[in-house]
Amino acid sequence: MRTTIDIPDGLLERAVRAASLRTKREAVIAGLEELIRRAQRAELRKLAGRIDLDVDLGRSRTGKR
């Protein structure tokens, strides 16, 4: 989808350099993906203590099923 946006001078260039990306498009996509990841983590944090998991940590860490 094509969208025209007004971004403060230098902000996009700083993001490209900071993330070692090649293009402005990559920087915008990476930024949007990070916003989504943060929102998803926040939703998961809200579930803390509300879900009872019967997990054997020792067994799960050894990789045995």
PDB file of N, CA and C in Angstrom:
ATOM      1  N   MET A   1       0.849  -1.168   0.000  1.00  0.00           N
ATOM      2  CA  MET A   1       0.000   0.000   0.000  1.00  0.00           C
ATOM      3  C   MET A   1       0.900   1.238   0.000  1.00  0.00           C
ATOM      4  N   ARG A   2       0.625   2.141  -0.834  1.00  0.00           N
ATOM      5  CA  ARG A   2       1.387   3.384  -0.891  1.00  0.00           C
ATOM      6  C   ARG A   2       0.763   4.397   0.057  1.00  0.00           C
ATOM      7  N   THR A   3       1.623   5.041   0.825  1.00  0.00           N
ATOM      8  CA  THR A   3       1.173   6.039   1.782  1.00  0.00           C
ATOM      9  C   THR A   3       2.178   7.176   1.812  1.00  0.00           C
ATOM     10  N   THR A   4       1.696   8.385   1.879  1.00  0.00           N
ATOM     11  CA  THR A   4       2.576   9.539   2.004  1.00  0.00           C
ATOM     12  C   THR A   4       2.502  10.031   3.442  1.00  0.00           C
ATOM     13  N   ILE A   5       3.664  10.155   4.064  1.00  0.00           N
ATOM     14  CA  ILE A   5       3.712  10.628   5.454  1.00  0.00           C
ATOM     15  C   ILE A   5       4.803  11.674   5.593  1.00  0.00           C
ATOM     16  N   ASP A   6       4.630  12.539   6.566  1.00  0.00           N
ATOM     17  CA  ASP A   6       5.609  13.576   6.845  1.00  0.00           C
ATOM     18  C   ASP A   6       6.379  13.172   8.100  1.00  0.00           C
ATOM     19  N   ILE A   7       7.640  12.849   7.937  1.00  0.00           N
ATOM     20  CA  ILE A   7       8.485  12.390   9.044  1.00  0.00           C
ATOM     21  C   ILE A   7       9.495  13.482   9.362  1.00  0.00           C
ATOM     22  N   PRO A   8       9.721  13.778  10.647  1.00  0.00           N
ATOM     23  CA  PRO A   8      10.681  14.821  11.020  1.00  0.00           C
ATOM     24  C   PRO A   8      12.056  14.610  10.376  1.00  0.00           C
ATOM     25  N   ASP A   9      12.683  15.717   9.997  1.00  0.00           N
ATOM     26  CA  ASP A   9      13.998  15.681   9.358  1.00  0.00           C
ATOM     27  C   ASP A   9      14.984  14.836  10.162  1.00  0.00           C
ATOM     28  N   GLY A  10      15.665  13.978   9.478  1.00  0.00           N
ATOM     29  CA  GLY A  10      16.734  13.198  10.090  1.00  0.00           C
ATOM     30  C   GLY A  10      16.281  11.968  10.852  1.00  0.00           C
ATOM     31  N   LEU A  11      15.023  11.916  11.254  1.00  0.00           N
ATOM     32  CA  LEU A  11      14.558  10.793  12.074  1.00  0.00           C
ATOM     33  C   LEU A  11      14.662   9.476  11.322  1.00  0.00           C
ATOM     34  N   LEU A  12      14.205   9.446  10.112  1.00  0.00           N
ATOM     35  CA  LEU A  12      14.248   8.215   9.324  1.00  0.00           C
ATOM     36  C   LEU A  12      15.685   7.811   9.007  1.00  0.00           C
ATOM     37  N   GLU A  13      16.512   8.774   8.692  1.00  0.00           N
ATOM     38  CA  GLU A  13      17.919   8.469   8.409  1.00  0.00           C
ATOM     39  C   GLU A  13      18.611   7.902   9.648  1.00  0.00           C
ATOM     40  N   ARG A  14      18.298   8.470  10.822  1.00  0.00           N
ATOM     41  CA  ARG A  14      18.869   7.948  12.077  1.00  0.00           C
ATOM     42  C   ARG A  14      18.415   6.514  12.322  1.00  0.00           C
ATOM     43  N   ALA A  15      17.152   6.235  12.027  1.00  0.00           N
ATOM     44  CA  ALA A  15      16.622   4.888  12.214  1.00  0.00           C
ATOM     45  C   ALA A  15      17.304   3.899  11.269  1.00  0.00           C
ATOM     46  N   VAL A  16      17.506   4.311  10.031  1.00  0.00           N
ATOM     47  CA  VAL A  16      18.176   3.449   9.050  1.00  0.00           C
ATOM     48  C   VAL A  16      19.581   3.111   9.538  1.00  0.00           C
ATOM     49  N   ARG A  17      20.313   4.119   9.986  1.00  0.00           N
ATOM     50  CA  ARG A  17      21.677   3.888  10.476  1.00  0.00           C
ATOM     51  C   ARG A  17      21.690   3.066  11.748  1.00  0.00           C
ATOM     52  N   ALA A  18      20.812   3.379  12.693  1.00  0.00           N
ATOM     53  CA  ALA A  18      20.790   2.696  13.993  1.00  0.00           C
ATOM     54  C   ALA A  18      20.503   1.207  13.843  1.00  0.00           C
ATOM     55  N   ALA A  19      19.656   0.871  12.888  1.00  0.00           N
ATOM     56  CA  ALA A  19      19.276  -0.526  12.702  1.00  0.00           C
ATOM     57  C   ALA A  19      20.095  -1.215  11.607  1.00  0.00           C
ATOM     58  N   SER A  20      21.071  -0.507  11.054  1.00  0.00           N
ATOM     59  CA  SER A  20      21.913  -1.043   9.970  1.00  0.00           C
ATOM     60  C   SER A  20      21.064  -1.574   8.817  1.00  0.00           C
ATOM     61  N   LEU A  21      20.098  -0.779   8.437  1.00  0.00           N
ATOM     62  CA  LEU A  21      19.227  -1.152   7.320  1.00  0.00           C
ATOM     63  C   LEU A  21      19.713  -0.466   6.056  1.00  0.00           C
ATOM     64  N   ARG A  22      19.188  -0.905   4.924  1.00  0.00           N
ATOM     65  CA  ARG A  22      19.633  -0.348   3.649  1.00  0.00           C
ATOM     66  C   ARG A  22      18.723   0.742   3.114  1.00  0.00           C
ATOM     67  N   THR A  23      17.431   0.647   3.432  1.00  0.00           N
ATOM     68  CA  THR A  23      16.491   1.599   2.838  1.00  0.00           C
ATOM     69  C   THR A  23      15.547   2.186   3.885  1.00  0.00           C
ATOM     70  N   LYS A  24      14.929   3.298   3.511  1.00  0.00           N
ATOM     71  CA  LYS A  24      13.932   3.929   4.367  1.00  0.00           C
ATOM     72  C   LYS A  24      12.726   3.004   4.529  1.00  0.00           C
ATOM     73  N   ARG A  25      12.376   2.335   3.459  1.00  0.00           N
ATOM     74  CA  ARG A  25      11.244   1.399   3.502  1.00  0.00           C
ATOM     75  C   ARG A  25      11.490   0.318   4.548  1.00  0.00           C
ATOM     76  N   GLU A  26      12.695  -0.250   4.561  1.00  0.00           N
ATOM     77  CA  GLU A  26      13.033  -1.276   5.555  1.00  0.00           C
ATOM     78  C   GLU A  26      12.906  -0.722   6.970  1.00  0.00           C
ATOM     79  N   ALA A  27      13.306   0.526   7.168  1.00  0.00           N
ATOM     80  CA  ALA A  27      13.223   1.143   8.492  1.00  0.00           C
ATOM     81  C   ALA A  27      11.773   1.306   8.930  1.00  0.00           C
ATOM     82  N   VAL A  28      10.921   1.718   8.024  1.00  0.00           N
ATOM     83  CA  VAL A  28       9.500   1.890   8.359  1.00  0.00           C
ATOM     84  C   VAL A  28       8.882   0.538   8.699  1.00  0.00           C
ATOM     85  N   ILE A  29       9.161  -0.471   7.887  1.00  0.00           N
ATOM     86  CA  ILE A  29       8.611  -1.799   8.137  1.00  0.00           C
ATOM     87  C   ILE A  29       9.121  -2.346   9.470  1.00  0.00           C
ATOM     88  N   ALA A  30      10.415  -2.205   9.739  1.00  0.00           N
ATOM     89  CA  ALA A  30      10.982  -2.688  11.000  1.00  0.00           C
ATOM     90  C   ALA A  30      10.348  -1.973  12.191  1.00  0.00           C
ATOM     91  N   GLY A  31      10.118  -0.682  12.062  1.00  0.00           N
ATOM     92  CA  GLY A  31       9.489   0.072  13.141  1.00  0.00           C
ATOM     93  C   GLY A  31       8.067  -0.379  13.409  1.00  0.00           C
ATOM     94  N   LEU A  32       7.306  -0.603  12.358  1.00  0.00           N
ATOM     95  CA  LEU A  32       5.931  -1.075  12.520  1.00  0.00           C
ATOM     96  C   LEU A  32       5.894  -2.472  13.136  1.00  0.00           C
ATOM     97  N   GLU A  33       6.804  -3.338  12.683  1.00  0.00           N
ATOM     98  CA  GLU A  33       6.859  -4.690  13.251  1.00  0.00           C
ATOM     99  C   GLU A  33       7.217  -4.648  14.736  1.00  0.00           C
ATOM    100  N   GLU A  34       8.121  -3.765  15.116  1.00  0.00           N
ATOM    101  CA  GLU A  34       8.499  -3.631  16.526  1.00  0.00           C
ATOM    102  C   GLU A  34       7.321  -3.140  17.357  1.00  0.00           C
ATOM    103  N   LEU A  35       6.557  -2.198  16.854  1.00  0.00           N
ATOM    104  CA  LEU A  35       5.358  -1.729  17.568  1.00  0.00           C
ATOM    105  C   LEU A  35       4.375  -2.873  17.795  1.00  0.00           C
ATOM    106  N   ILE A  36       4.207  -3.703  16.793  1.00  0.00           N
ATOM    107  CA  ILE A  36       3.303  -4.843  16.912  1.00  0.00           C
ATOM    108  C   ILE A  36       3.826  -5.833  17.951  1.00  0.00           C
ATOM    109  N   ARG A  37       5.135  -6.143  17.922  1.00  0.00           N
ATOM    110  CA  ARG A  37       5.727  -7.059  18.905  1.00  0.00           C
ATOM    111  C   ARG A  37       5.549  -6.536  20.327  1.00  0.00           C
ATOM    112  N   ARG A  38       5.773  -5.242  20.522  1.00  0.00           N
ATOM    113  CA  ARG A  38       5.608  -4.660  21.854  1.00  0.00           C
ATOM    114  C   ARG A  38       4.170  -4.781  22.354  1.00  0.00           C
ATOM    115  N   ALA A  39       3.225  -4.531  21.470  1.00  0.00           N
ATOM    116  CA  ALA A  39       1.812  -4.643  21.843  1.00  0.00           C
ATOM    117  C   ALA A  39       1.463  -6.088  22.185  1.00  0.00           C
ATOM    118  N   GLN A  40       1.993  -7.043  21.425  1.00  0.00           N
ATOM    119  CA  GLN A  40       1.727  -8.450  21.699  1.00  0.00           C
ATOM    120  C   GLN A  40       2.330  -8.871  23.030  1.00  0.00           C
ATOM    121  N   ARG A  41       3.544  -8.407  23.334  1.00  0.00           N
ATOM    122  CA  ARG A  41       4.167  -8.734  24.622  1.00  0.00           C
ATOM    123  C   ARG A  41       3.362  -8.150  25.773  1.00  0.00           C
ATOM    124  N   ALA A  42       2.851  -6.942  25.595  1.00  0.00           N
ATOM    125  CA  ALA A  42       2.035  -6.316  26.634  1.00  0.00           C
ATOM    126  C   ALA A  42       0.772  -7.144  26.890  1.00  0.00           C
ATOM    127  N   GLU A  43       0.167  -7.646  25.829  1.00  0.00           N
ATOM    128  CA  GLU A  43      -1.024  -8.495  25.984  1.00  0.00           C
ATOM    129  C   GLU A  43      -0.677  -9.777  26.725  1.00  0.00           C
ATOM    130  N   LEU A  44       0.467 -10.366  26.407  1.00  0.00           N
ATOM    131  CA  LEU A  44       0.880 -11.583  27.102  1.00  0.00           C
ATOM    132  C   LEU A  44       1.147 -11.317  28.582  1.00  0.00           C
ATOM    133  N   ARG A  45       1.752 -10.165  28.891  1.00  0.00           N
ATOM    134  CA  ARG A  45       2.018  -9.816  30.288  1.00  0.00           C
ATOM    135  C   ARG A  45       0.722  -9.712  31.094  1.00  0.00           C
ATOM    136  N   LYS A  46      -0.342  -9.277  30.446  1.00  0.00           N
ATOM    137  CA  LYS A  46      -1.630  -9.176  31.133  1.00  0.00           C
ATOM    138  C   LYS A  46      -2.147 -10.545  31.560  1.00  0.00           C
ATOM    139  N   LEU A  47      -1.702 -11.590  30.878  1.00  0.00           N
ATOM    140  CA  LEU A  47      -2.145 -12.946  31.194  1.00  0.00           C
ATOM    141  C   LEU A  47      -1.332 -13.588  32.315  1.00  0.00           C
ATOM    142  N   ALA A  48      -0.262 -12.940  32.738  1.00  0.00           N
ATOM    143  CA  ALA A  48       0.609 -13.509  33.769  1.00  0.00           C
ATOM    144  C   ALA A  48      -0.187 -13.879  35.019  1.00  0.00           C
ATOM    145  N   GLY A  49      -0.047 -15.140  35.426  1.00  0.00           N
ATOM    146  CA  GLY A  49      -0.727 -15.617  36.619  1.00  0.00           C
ATOM    147  C   GLY A  49      -2.169 -16.035  36.387  1.00  0.00           C
ATOM    148  N   ARG A  50      -2.651 -15.906  35.189  1.00  0.00           N
ATOM    149  CA  ARG A  50      -4.050 -16.243  34.904  1.00  0.00           C
ATOM    150  C   ARG A  50      -4.205 -17.583  34.204  1.00  0.00           C
ATOM    151  N   ILE A  51      -3.117 -18.128  33.711  1.00  0.00           N
ATOM    152  CA  ILE A  51      -3.168 -19.401  32.992  1.00  0.00           C
ATOM    153  C   ILE A  51      -2.354 -20.413  33.777  1.00  0.00           C
ATOM    154  N   ASP A  52      -2.980 -21.558  34.084  1.00  0.00           N
ATOM    155  CA  ASP A  52      -2.295 -22.612  34.823  1.00  0.00           C
ATOM    156  C   ASP A  52      -1.676 -23.583  33.824  1.00  0.00           C
ATOM    157  N   LEU A  53      -0.359 -23.630  33.798  1.00  0.00           N
ATOM    158  CA  LEU A  53       0.346 -24.525  32.898  1.00  0.00           C
ATOM    159  C   LEU A  53       0.962 -25.660  33.705  1.00  0.00           C
ATOM    160  N   ASP A  54       0.742 -26.876  33.265  1.00  0.00           N
ATOM    161  CA  ASP A  54       1.348 -28.034  33.899  1.00  0.00           C
ATOM    162  C   ASP A  54       2.578 -28.399  33.079  1.00  0.00           C
ATOM    163  N   VAL A  55       3.705 -27.749  33.393  1.00  0.00           N
ATOM    164  CA  VAL A  55       4.926 -27.905  32.614  1.00  0.00           C
ATOM    165  C   VAL A  55       6.043 -28.418  33.508  1.00  0.00           C
ATOM    166  N   ASP A  56       6.744 -29.449  33.034  1.00  0.00           N
ATOM    167  CA  ASP A  56       7.922 -29.964  33.720  1.00  0.00           C
ATOM    168  C   ASP A  56       9.120 -29.226  33.127  1.00  0.00           C
ATOM    169  N   LEU A  57       9.605 -28.186  33.827  1.00  0.00           N
ATOM    170  CA  LEU A  57      10.684 -27.359  33.289  1.00  0.00           C
ATOM    171  C   LEU A  57      11.949 -28.159  33.019  1.00  0.00           C
ATOM    172  N   GLY A  58      12.289 -29.059  33.907  1.00  0.00           N
ATOM    173  CA  GLY A  58      13.482 -29.889  33.715  1.00  0.00           C
ATOM    174  C   GLY A  58      13.404 -30.697  32.430  1.00  0.00           C
ATOM    175  N   ARG A  59      12.277 -31.311  32.212  1.00  0.00           N
ATOM    176  CA  ARG A  59      12.079 -32.119  31.005  1.00  0.00           C
ATOM    177  C   ARG A  59      12.055 -31.247  29.755  1.00  0.00           C
ATOM    178  N   SER A  60      11.410 -30.092  29.838  1.00  0.00           N
ATOM    179  CA  SER A  60      11.319 -29.224  28.661  1.00  0.00           C
ATOM    180  C   SER A  60      12.678 -28.641  28.288  1.00  0.00           C
ATOM    181  N   ARG A  61      13.531 -28.441  29.262  1.00  0.00           N
ATOM    182  CA  ARG A  61      14.855 -27.867  28.980  1.00  0.00           C
ATOM    183  C   ARG A  61      15.813 -28.891  28.370  1.00  0.00           C
ATOM    184  N   THR A  62      15.550 -30.175  28.595  1.00  0.00           N
ATOM    185  CA  THR A  62      16.419 -31.201  27.999  1.00  0.00           C
ATOM    186  C   THR A  62      15.998 -31.522  26.587  1.00  0.00           C
ATOM    187  N   GLY A  63      14.823 -31.118  26.191  1.00  0.00           N
ATOM    188  CA  GLY A  63      14.354 -31.339  24.830  1.00  0.00           C
ATOM    189  C   GLY A  63      13.700 -32.690  24.641  1.00  0.00           C
ATOM    190  N   LYS A  64      13.525 -33.447  25.715  1.00  0.00           N
ATOM    191  CA  LYS A  64      12.873 -34.763  25.612  1.00  0.00           C
ATOM    192  C   LYS A  64      11.364 -34.593  25.642  1.00  0.00           C
ATOM    193  N   ARG A  65      10.698 -35.376  24.836  1.00  0.00           N
ATOM    194  CA  ARG A  65       9.238 -35.306  24.773  1.00  0.00           C
ATOM    195  C   ARG A  65       8.685 -36.460  25.471  1.00  0.00           C
TER     196      ARG A  65
END
